[in-house]
């Protein structure tokens, strides 16, 4: 499972607060091992999965729940990607889908990547 497998939902389920979360795994470094376009393409697949009703059919507990797409990166994205993530979040919000970018790795300190603060 990875961002390179465009037609695969890497993981989905309910969060502790009851949102339907679809996770895409991005191993390596953004810009070197995968591109922002790879993320956008996979996000489009995820959106089609939600809008077509497949999410509700295949994971019934997600039916009627708020939806969040989580991009799980191995390394912190560079600040130059903030505007692209912000644009993607705005586009997804038109479909009532939230975007979250997280860093989760055994090699570095993880956390949430704040793409909303563009400086």
C-alpha atoms as a PDB file:
ATOM      1  CA  UNK A   1       0.000   0.000   0.000  1.00  0.00           C
ATOM      2  CA  UNK A   2       1.400   3.348  -1.022  1.00  0.00           C
ATOM      3  CA  UNK A   3       0.697   6.596  -2.780  1.00  0.00           C
ATOM      4  CA  UNK A   4       1.996   4.944  -5.961  1.00  0.00           C
ATOM      5  CA  UNK A   5      -0.891   2.447  -5.990  1.00  0.00           C
ATOM      6  CA  UNK A   6      -3.415   4.939  -7.344  1.00  0.00           C
ATOM      7  CA  UNK A   7      -6.457   2.665  -7.397  1.00  0.00           C
ATOM      8  CA  UNK A   8      -6.055   1.259  -3.890  1.00  0.00           C
ATOM      9  CA  UNK A   9      -7.498   2.571  -0.645  1.00  0.00           C
ATOM     10  CA  UNK A  10      -4.586   2.058   1.743  1.00  0.00           C
ATOM     11  CA  UNK A  11      -6.685   1.982   4.909  1.00  0.00           C
ATOM     12  CA  UNK A  12     -10.040   3.176   6.175  1.00  0.00           C
ATOM     13  CA  UNK A  13     -12.102   3.065   9.335  1.00  0.00           C
ATOM     14  CA  UNK A  14     -13.614   5.205  12.054  1.00  0.00           C
ATOM     15  CA  UNK A  15     -11.657   7.629  14.218  1.00  0.00           C
ATOM     16  CA  UNK A  16     -12.244   7.883  17.972  1.00  0.00           C
ATOM     17  CA  UNK A  17     -14.487  10.894  17.359  1.00  0.00           C
ATOM     18  CA  UNK A  18     -16.601   9.036  14.796  1.00  0.00           C
ATOM     19  CA  UNK A  19     -15.237  10.335  11.482  1.00  0.00           C
ATOM     20  CA  UNK A  20     -14.670   8.076   8.498  1.00  0.00           C
ATOM     21  CA  UNK A  21     -10.928   8.271   7.860  1.00  0.00           C
ATOM     22  CA  UNK A  22      -9.231   7.152   4.676  1.00  0.00           C
ATOM     23  CA  UNK A  23      -5.451   6.992   5.000  1.00  0.00           C
ATOM     24  CA  UNK A  24      -2.870   7.124   2.229  1.00  0.00           C
ATOM     25  CA  UNK A  25       0.684   6.088   3.022  1.00  0.00           C
ATOM     26  CA  UNK A  26       3.547   8.096   1.525  1.00  0.00           C
ATOM     27  CA  UNK A  27       6.884   6.430   2.183  1.00  0.00           C
ATOM     28  CA  UNK A  28      10.021   8.348   1.424  1.00  0.00           C
ATOM     29  CA  UNK A  29      10.385  12.075   0.879  1.00  0.00           C
ATOM     30  CA  UNK A  30       7.879  14.282  -0.920  1.00  0.00           C
ATOM     31  CA  UNK A  31       9.572  15.649  -4.038  1.00  0.00           C
ATOM     32  CA  UNK A  32      12.163  12.874  -4.171  1.00  0.00           C
ATOM     33  CA  UNK A  33      10.247   9.596  -3.840  1.00  0.00           C
ATOM     34  CA  UNK A  34       6.742  10.784  -4.767  1.00  0.00           C
ATOM     35  CA  UNK A  35       5.135  14.002  -5.960  1.00  0.00           C
ATOM     36  CA  UNK A  36       2.298  16.218  -4.827  1.00  0.00           C
ATOM     37  CA  UNK A  37       0.585  15.109  -8.050  1.00  0.00           C
ATOM     38  CA  UNK A  38       0.781  11.494  -6.828  1.00  0.00           C
ATOM     39  CA  UNK A  39      -1.036  12.583  -3.665  1.00  0.00           C
ATOM     40  CA  UNK A  40      -3.623  14.562  -5.659  1.00  0.00           C
ATOM     41  CA  UNK A  41      -4.257  11.610  -7.991  1.00  0.00           C
ATOM     42  CA  UNK A  42      -4.759   9.231  -5.100  1.00  0.00           C
ATOM     43  CA  UNK A  43      -6.980  11.771  -3.298  1.00  0.00           C
ATOM     44  CA  UNK A  44      -9.133  11.832  -6.435  1.00  0.00           C
ATOM     45  CA  UNK A  45      -9.473   8.030  -6.231  1.00  0.00           C
ATOM     46  CA  UNK A  46     -10.450   8.372  -2.560  1.00  0.00           C
ATOM     47  CA  UNK A  47     -13.016  11.049  -3.409  1.00  0.00           C
ATOM     48  CA  UNK A  48     -14.556   8.850  -6.124  1.00  0.00           C
ATOM     49  CA  UNK A  49     -14.716   6.005  -3.580  1.00  0.00           C
ATOM     50  CA  UNK A  50     -16.672   8.232  -1.178  1.00  0.00           C
ATOM     51  CA  UNK A  51     -18.932   9.981  -3.707  1.00  0.00           C
ATOM     52  CA  UNK A  52     -19.871   6.760  -5.516  1.00  0.00           C
ATOM     53  CA  UNK A  53     -21.157   5.253  -2.259  1.00  0.00           C
ATOM     54  CA  UNK A  54     -18.533   2.508  -2.227  1.00  0.00           C
ATOM     55  CA  UNK A  55     -17.252   3.601   1.193  1.00  0.00           C
ATOM     56  CA  UNK A  56     -20.723   3.203   2.721  1.00  0.00           C
ATOM     57  CA  UNK A  57     -21.242  -0.132   0.957  1.00  0.00           C
ATOM     58  CA  UNK A  58     -17.878  -1.653   1.840  1.00  0.00           C
ATOM     59  CA  UNK A  59     -17.533  -0.148   5.326  1.00  0.00           C
ATOM     60  CA  UNK A  60     -21.127   0.237   6.604  1.00  0.00           C
ATOM     61  CA  UNK A  61     -20.056   1.805   9.905  1.00  0.00           C
ATOM     62  CA  UNK A  62     -18.768   4.794   7.869  1.00  0.00           C
ATOM     63  CA  UNK A  63     -22.176   5.506   6.336  1.00  0.00           C
ATOM     64  CA  UNK A  64     -23.330   9.050   7.036  1.00  0.00           C
ATOM     65  CA  UNK A  65     -20.144   9.984   8.889  1.00  0.00           C
ATOM     66  CA  UNK A  66     -17.981  13.047   8.291  1.00  0.00           C
ATOM     67  CA  UNK A  67     -15.029  12.116   6.059  1.00  0.00           C
ATOM     68  CA  UNK A  68     -11.357  12.924   6.484  1.00  0.00           C
ATOM     69  CA  UNK A  69      -8.487  12.008   4.164  1.00  0.00           C
ATOM     70  CA  UNK A  70      -5.215  11.583   6.039  1.00  0.00           C
ATOM     71  CA  UNK A  71      -1.947  11.776   4.150  1.00  0.00           C
ATOM     72  CA  UNK A  72       0.572   9.890   6.269  1.00  0.00           C
ATOM     73  CA  UNK A  73       4.105  11.000   5.363  1.00  0.00           C
ATOM     74  CA  UNK A  74       7.345   9.397   6.457  1.00  0.00           C
ATOM     75  CA  UNK A  75       9.174  12.748   6.510  1.00  0.00           C
ATOM     76  CA  UNK A  76       8.090  16.352   7.070  1.00  0.00           C
ATOM     77  CA  UNK A  77       7.022  17.984   3.784  1.00  0.00           C
ATOM     78  CA  UNK A  78       8.956  21.137   2.929  1.00  0.00           C
ATOM     79  CA  UNK A  79       7.186  24.461   3.432  1.00  0.00           C
ATOM     80  CA  UNK A  80       6.998  24.968  -0.333  1.00  0.00           C
ATOM     81  CA  UNK A  81       4.203  22.354  -0.390  1.00  0.00           C
ATOM     82  CA  UNK A  82       1.918  24.248   2.006  1.00  0.00           C
ATOM     83  CA  UNK A  83       0.058  26.143  -0.749  1.00  0.00           C
ATOM     84  CA  UNK A  84      -0.557  22.918  -2.676  1.00  0.00           C
ATOM     85  CA  UNK A  85      -1.956  21.130   0.372  1.00  0.00           C
ATOM     86  CA  UNK A  86      -4.059  24.196   1.220  1.00  0.00           C
ATOM     87  CA  UNK A  87      -5.491  24.210  -2.317  1.00  0.00           C
ATOM     88  CA  UNK A  88      -6.220  20.488  -2.115  1.00  0.00           C
ATOM     89  CA  UNK A  89      -7.933  20.968   1.270  1.00  0.00           C
ATOM     90  CA  UNK A  90     -10.087  23.757  -0.161  1.00  0.00           C
ATOM     91  CA  UNK A  91     -11.110  21.619  -3.136  1.00  0.00           C
ATOM     92  CA  UNK A  92     -11.967  18.659  -0.900  1.00  0.00           C
ATOM     93  CA  UNK A  93     -13.952  20.881   1.458  1.00  0.00           C
ATOM     94  CA  UNK A  94     -16.375  21.546  -1.418  1.00  0.00           C
ATOM     95  CA  UNK A  95     -17.349  17.872  -0.993  1.00  0.00           C
ATOM     96  CA  UNK A  96     -17.363  18.138   2.816  1.00  0.00           C
ATOM     97  CA  UNK A  97     -14.130  16.154   3.048  1.00  0.00           C
ATOM     98  CA  UNK A  98     -11.413  17.266   5.464  1.00  0.00           C
ATOM     99  CA  UNK A  99      -7.693  16.897   4.686  1.00  0.00           C
ATOM    100  CA  UNK A 100      -5.064  16.082   7.300  1.00  0.00           C
ATOM    101  CA  UNK A 101      -1.340  15.682   6.694  1.00  0.00           C
ATOM    102  CA  UNK A 102       0.490  13.744   9.389  1.00  0.00           C
ATOM    103  CA  UNK A 103       4.078  12.635   9.827  1.00  0.00           C
ATOM    104  CA  UNK A 104       4.563   9.207  11.308  1.00  0.00           C
ATOM    105  CA  UNK A 105       7.978   7.587  11.311  1.00  0.00           C
ATOM    106  CA  UNK A 106      10.212   5.657  13.643  1.00  0.00           C
ATOM    107  CA  UNK A 107      13.178   7.738  12.466  1.00  0.00           C
ATOM    108  CA  UNK A 108      11.900  11.251  13.226  1.00  0.00           C
ATOM    109  CA  UNK A 109       9.467  13.037  15.538  1.00  0.00           C
ATOM    110  CA  UNK A 110       6.022  12.986  14.023  1.00  0.00           C
ATOM    111  CA  UNK A 111       3.014  15.202  14.292  1.00  0.00           C
ATOM    112  CA  UNK A 112       0.551  17.227  12.250  1.00  0.00           C
ATOM    113  CA  UNK A 113       1.829  19.254   9.282  1.00  0.00           C
ATOM    114  CA  UNK A 114       0.163  22.681   9.402  1.00  0.00           C
ATOM    115  CA  UNK A 115      -0.373  23.642   5.769  1.00  0.00           C
ATOM    116  CA  UNK A 116      -2.793  26.432   6.705  1.00  0.00           C
ATOM    117  CA  UNK A 117      -0.075  28.800   7.923  1.00  0.00           C
ATOM    118  CA  UNK A 118       1.516  29.903   4.657  1.00  0.00           C
ATOM    119  CA  UNK A 119       4.371  32.330   5.139  1.00  0.00           C
END
